[in-house]
Amino acid sequence: MSLNSIELARQDRVAVVTLRHDIDLENGSAVTAAFRGALTETGTGATLLDLAELTFADSALLNLILQARAEHEEAQRPFVLCGPLHSAIQRLFEITGVIDILVLADTHEDGVRQLDELLDG
């Protein structure tokens, strides 16, 4: 799946959702579809949300991320976010306090490594 700034791909045992550029309420249904696709991606056991190229997000996207995290948790499927985060995204996460509840990796590679360890452990 690819829709301009939203992509769902597979990297071995990990479904990777990549969000790029500006994501807001207008992109909500496409983001939801990508998260649902990741959750049900055959042959994968975890999801990595890559935000390294995301430059803007609003509270609607934050809500979708939290909802996806809850759905993954309910399905007992690891869900990790990775950056490096743009300063605006970092600020959004810090101001809302979600930075303390989300599992964040510094890079894409670190996120995949974390998820592999969780899948193996």
C-alpha atoms as a PDB file:
ATOM      1  CA  MET A   1       0.000   0.000   0.000  1.00  0.00           C
ATOM      2  CA  SER A   2       1.341   3.400  -0.833  1.00  0.00           C
ATOM      3  CA  LEU A   3      -0.543   6.671  -0.850  1.00  0.00           C
ATOM      4  CA  ASN A   4       1.824   9.617  -1.238  1.00  0.00           C
ATOM      5  CA  SER A   5       3.092   9.857   2.308  1.00  0.00           C
ATOM      6  CA  ILE A   6       1.746   6.579   3.735  1.00  0.00           C
ATOM      7  CA  GLU A   7       3.355   3.231   3.001  1.00  0.00           C
ATOM      8  CA  LEU A   8       2.915  -0.319   4.269  1.00  0.00           C
ATOM      9  CA  ALA A   9       5.768  -2.727   3.557  1.00  0.00           C
ATOM     10  CA  ARG A  10       7.238  -5.909   4.963  1.00  0.00           C
ATOM     11  CA  GLN A  11      10.744  -6.411   6.312  1.00  0.00           C
ATOM     12  CA  ASP A  12      11.196 -10.072   7.183  1.00  0.00           C
ATOM     13  CA  ARG A  13       8.950 -10.714  10.209  1.00  0.00           C
ATOM     14  CA  VAL A  14       8.052  -7.044  10.665  1.00  0.00           C
ATOM     15  CA  ALA A  15       5.272  -5.040   9.010  1.00  0.00           C
ATOM     16  CA  VAL A  16       6.547  -1.488   8.482  1.00  0.00           C
ATOM     17  CA  VAL A  17       4.213   1.498   8.301  1.00  0.00           C
ATOM     18  CA  THR A  18       6.044   4.601   7.093  1.00  0.00           C
ATOM     19  CA  LEU A  19       4.510   8.053   7.449  1.00  0.00           C
ATOM     20  CA  ARG A  20       6.156  10.920   5.567  1.00  0.00           C
ATOM     21  CA  HIS A  21       5.757  14.679   5.251  1.00  0.00           C
ATOM     22  CA  ASP A  22       2.528  16.128   6.728  1.00  0.00           C
ATOM     23  CA  ILE A  23      -0.178  13.837   8.082  1.00  0.00           C
ATOM     24  CA  ASP A  24      -3.432  15.219   9.448  1.00  0.00           C
ATOM     25  CA  LEU A  25      -7.142  14.456   9.722  1.00  0.00           C
ATOM     26  CA  GLU A  26      -7.485  14.415   5.929  1.00  0.00           C
ATOM     27  CA  ASN A  27      -5.219  11.325   5.785  1.00  0.00           C
ATOM     28  CA  GLY A  28      -6.966   9.534   8.658  1.00  0.00           C
ATOM     29  CA  SER A  29      -8.655   6.752   6.705  1.00  0.00           C
ATOM     30  CA  ALA A  30      -5.454   5.902   4.793  1.00  0.00           C
ATOM     31  CA  VAL A  31      -3.435   5.813   8.025  1.00  0.00           C
ATOM     32  CA  THR A  32      -6.069   3.594   9.656  1.00  0.00           C
ATOM     33  CA  ALA A  33      -5.978   1.260   6.640  1.00  0.00           C
ATOM     34  CA  ALA A  34      -2.175   1.018   6.868  1.00  0.00           C
ATOM     35  CA  PHE A  35      -2.313   0.211  10.603  1.00  0.00           C
ATOM     36  CA  ARG A  36      -5.002  -2.427  10.050  1.00  0.00           C
ATOM     37  CA  GLY A  37      -3.011  -3.887   7.170  1.00  0.00           C
ATOM     38  CA  ALA A  38       0.065  -4.099   9.386  1.00  0.00           C
ATOM     39  CA  LEU A  39      -1.907  -5.770  12.147  1.00  0.00           C
ATOM     40  CA  THR A  40      -3.071  -8.501   9.786  1.00  0.00           C
ATOM     41  CA  GLU A  41       0.034  -8.780   7.557  1.00  0.00           C
ATOM     42  CA  THR A  42       0.524 -12.505   6.990  1.00  0.00           C
ATOM     43  CA  GLY A  43       3.924 -13.820   7.968  1.00  0.00           C
ATOM     44  CA  THR A  44       4.758 -10.954  10.308  1.00  0.00           C
ATOM     45  CA  GLY A  45       4.514 -10.831  14.065  1.00  0.00           C
ATOM     46  CA  ALA A  46       5.248  -7.194  14.864  1.00  0.00           C
ATOM     47  CA  THR A  47       4.799  -3.661  13.538  1.00  0.00           C
ATOM     48  CA  LEU A  48       7.299  -0.843  13.171  1.00  0.00           C
ATOM     49  CA  LEU A  49       5.938   2.671  12.711  1.00  0.00           C
ATOM     50  CA  ASP A  50       8.675   4.654  10.957  1.00  0.00           C
ATOM     51  CA  LEU A  51       8.288   8.382  11.581  1.00  0.00           C
ATOM     52  CA  ALA A  52      11.763   9.504  10.479  1.00  0.00           C
ATOM     53  CA  GLU A  53      10.384  11.464   7.508  1.00  0.00           C
ATOM     54  CA  LEU A  54       7.238  12.776   9.218  1.00  0.00           C
ATOM     55  CA  THR A  55       7.412  16.561   9.552  1.00  0.00           C
ATOM     56  CA  PHE A  56       3.903  17.397  10.827  1.00  0.00           C
ATOM     57  CA  ALA A  57       1.253  15.542  12.785  1.00  0.00           C
ATOM     58  CA  ASP A  58      -1.837  16.761  14.586  1.00  0.00           C
ATOM     59  CA  SER A  59      -3.901  15.364  17.433  1.00  0.00           C
ATOM     60  CA  ALA A  60      -5.939  13.273  14.971  1.00  0.00           C
ATOM     61  CA  LEU A  61      -2.826  11.331  13.939  1.00  0.00           C
ATOM     62  CA  LEU A  62      -1.716  11.036  17.541  1.00  0.00           C
ATOM     63  CA  ASN A  63      -5.085   9.499  18.359  1.00  0.00           C
ATOM     64  CA  LEU A  64      -4.719   7.018  15.466  1.00  0.00           C
ATOM     65  CA  ILE A  65      -1.249   6.017  16.695  1.00  0.00           C
ATOM     66  CA  LEU A  66      -2.570   5.438  20.215  1.00  0.00           C
ATOM     67  CA  GLN A  67      -5.502   3.458  18.847  1.00  0.00           C
ATOM     68  CA  ALA A  68      -3.166   1.319  16.726  1.00  0.00           C
ATOM     69  CA  ARG A  69      -0.933   0.750  19.747  1.00  0.00           C
ATOM     70  CA  ALA A  70      -3.948  -0.426  21.784  1.00  0.00           C
ATOM     71  CA  GLU A  71      -5.125  -2.743  18.984  1.00  0.00           C
ATOM     72  CA  HIS A  72      -1.636  -4.229  18.661  1.00  0.00           C
ATOM     73  CA  GLU A  73      -1.409  -4.680  22.419  1.00  0.00           C
ATOM     74  CA  GLU A  74      -4.798  -6.417  22.441  1.00  0.00           C
ATOM     75  CA  ALA A  75      -3.584  -8.742  19.667  1.00  0.00           C
ATOM     76  CA  GLN A  76      -0.349  -9.322  21.639  1.00  0.00           C
ATOM     77  CA  ARG A  77       1.624  -7.956  18.702  1.00  0.00           C
ATOM     78  CA  PRO A  78       4.674  -5.750  19.436  1.00  0.00           C
ATOM     79  CA  PHE A  79       4.380  -2.146  18.173  1.00  0.00           C
ATOM     80  CA  VAL A  80       7.453   0.089  18.076  1.00  0.00           C
ATOM     81  CA  LEU A  81       7.905   3.602  16.689  1.00  0.00           C
ATOM     82  CA  CYS A  82      11.184   4.805  15.251  1.00  0.00           C
ATOM     83  CA  GLY A  83      12.791   8.040  14.228  1.00  0.00           C
ATOM     84  CA  PRO A  84      14.846  10.043  14.421  1.00  0.00           C
ATOM     85  CA  LEU A  85      11.845  12.225  15.177  1.00  0.00           C
ATOM     86  CA  HIS A  86      11.423  15.678  13.632  1.00  0.00           C
ATOM     87  CA  SER A  87      11.408  18.348  16.352  1.00  0.00           C
ATOM     88  CA  ALA A  88       7.679  19.057  15.803  1.00  0.00           C
ATOM     89  CA  ILE A  89       6.803  15.378  16.302  1.00  0.00           C
ATOM     90  CA  GLN A  90       9.079  15.094  19.326  1.00  0.00           C
ATOM     91  CA  ARG A  91       7.392  18.171  20.816  1.00  0.00           C
ATOM     92  CA  LEU A  92       3.889  16.767  20.163  1.00  0.00           C
ATOM     93  CA  PHE A  93       4.806  13.523  21.909  1.00  0.00           C
ATOM     94  CA  GLU A  94       6.403  15.333  24.855  1.00  0.00           C
ATOM     95  CA  ILE A  95       3.617  17.903  25.358  1.00  0.00           C
ATOM     96  CA  THR A  96       0.916  15.222  25.324  1.00  0.00           C
ATOM     97  CA  GLY A  97       2.895  12.871  27.559  1.00  0.00           C
ATOM     98  CA  VAL A  98       2.687   9.933  25.157  1.00  0.00           C
ATOM     99  CA  ILE A  99       6.458   9.798  24.852  1.00  0.00           C
ATOM    100  CA  ASP A 100       6.404   7.939  28.180  1.00  0.00           C
ATOM    101  CA  ILE A 101       3.983   5.224  27.008  1.00  0.00           C
ATOM    102  CA  LEU A 102       5.150   4.610  23.445  1.00  0.00           C
ATOM    103  CA  VAL A 103       8.061   2.297  22.681  1.00  0.00           C
ATOM    104  CA  LEU A 104      10.495   4.421  20.670  1.00  0.00           C
ATOM    105  CA  ALA A 105      13.647   3.403  18.831  1.00  0.00           C
ATOM    106  CA  ASP A 106      16.215   5.919  17.623  1.00  0.00           C
ATOM    107  CA  THR A 107      16.476   4.501  14.086  1.00  0.00           C
ATOM    108  CA  HIS A 108      14.696   2.113  11.733  1.00  0.00           C
ATOM    109  CA  GLU A 109      17.422  -0.490  12.282  1.00  0.00           C
ATOM    110  CA  ASP A 110      17.146  -0.185  16.078  1.00  0.00           C
ATOM    111  CA  GLY A 111      13.368  -0.598  15.822  1.00  0.00           C
ATOM    112  CA  VAL A 112      13.639  -3.770  13.738  1.00  0.00           C
ATOM    113  CA  ARG A 113      16.268  -5.116  16.147  1.00  0.00           C
ATOM    114  CA  GLN A 114      14.005  -4.394  19.147  1.00  0.00           C
ATOM    115  CA  LEU A 115      11.074  -6.121  17.466  1.00  0.00           C
ATOM    116  CA  ASP A 116      13.198  -9.137  16.473  1.00  0.00           C
ATOM    117  CA  GLU A 117      14.296  -9.480  20.108  1.00  0.00           C
ATOM    118  CA  LEU A 118      10.685  -9.272  21.297  1.00  0.00           C
ATOM    119  CA  LEU A 119       9.608 -11.885  18.744  1.00  0.00           C
ATOM    120  CA  ASP A 120      12.467 -14.195  19.721  1.00  0.00           C
ATOM    121  CA  GLY A 121      12.050 -13.665  23.469  1.00  0.00           C
END
